[in-house]
Amino acid sequence: MSISDRIGIHTGDITRLAVDAIVNAA
């Protein structure tokens, strides 16, 4: 459970950073 939670959190952080990068680039 904790491993899946960690993966989900990391994935969310990466997605958030990617979105922020795209917005900043735009």
Protein backbone atom coordinates (compact mmCIF):
# COMPACT_ATOMS: atom_id res chain seq x y z
CA MET A 1 0.00 0.00 0.00
CA SER A 2 2.70 2.49 0.99
CA ILE A 3 4.68 1.72 -2.17
CA SER A 4 1.63 2.40 -4.35
CA ASP A 5 0.92 5.58 -2.40
CA ARG A 6 4.51 6.72 -2.91
CA ILE A 7 4.32 6.02 -6.65
CA GLY A 8 1.04 7.91 -6.87
CA ILE A 9 2.48 10.88 -4.97
CA HIS A 10 5.62 10.91 -7.15
CA THR A 11 3.53 10.65 -10.32
CA GLY A 12 1.35 13.53 -9.15
CA ASP A 13 4.39 15.66 -8.34
CA ILE A 14 5.94 14.94 -11.76
CA THR A 15 2.67 15.75 -13.51
CA ARG A 16 2.33 18.95 -11.52
CA LEU A 17 5.92 19.98 -12.32
CA ALA A 18 5.36 19.15 -16.00
CA VAL A 19 2.19 21.26 -16.09
CA ASP A 20 3.97 24.13 -14.34
CA ALA A 21 6.86 23.88 -16.83
CA ILE A 22 4.44 23.97 -19.79
CA VAL A 23 2.58 26.97 -18.34
CA ASN A 24 5.86 28.77 -17.66
CA ALA A 25 7.13 27.95 -21.16
CA ALA A 26 3.87 29.21 -22.66
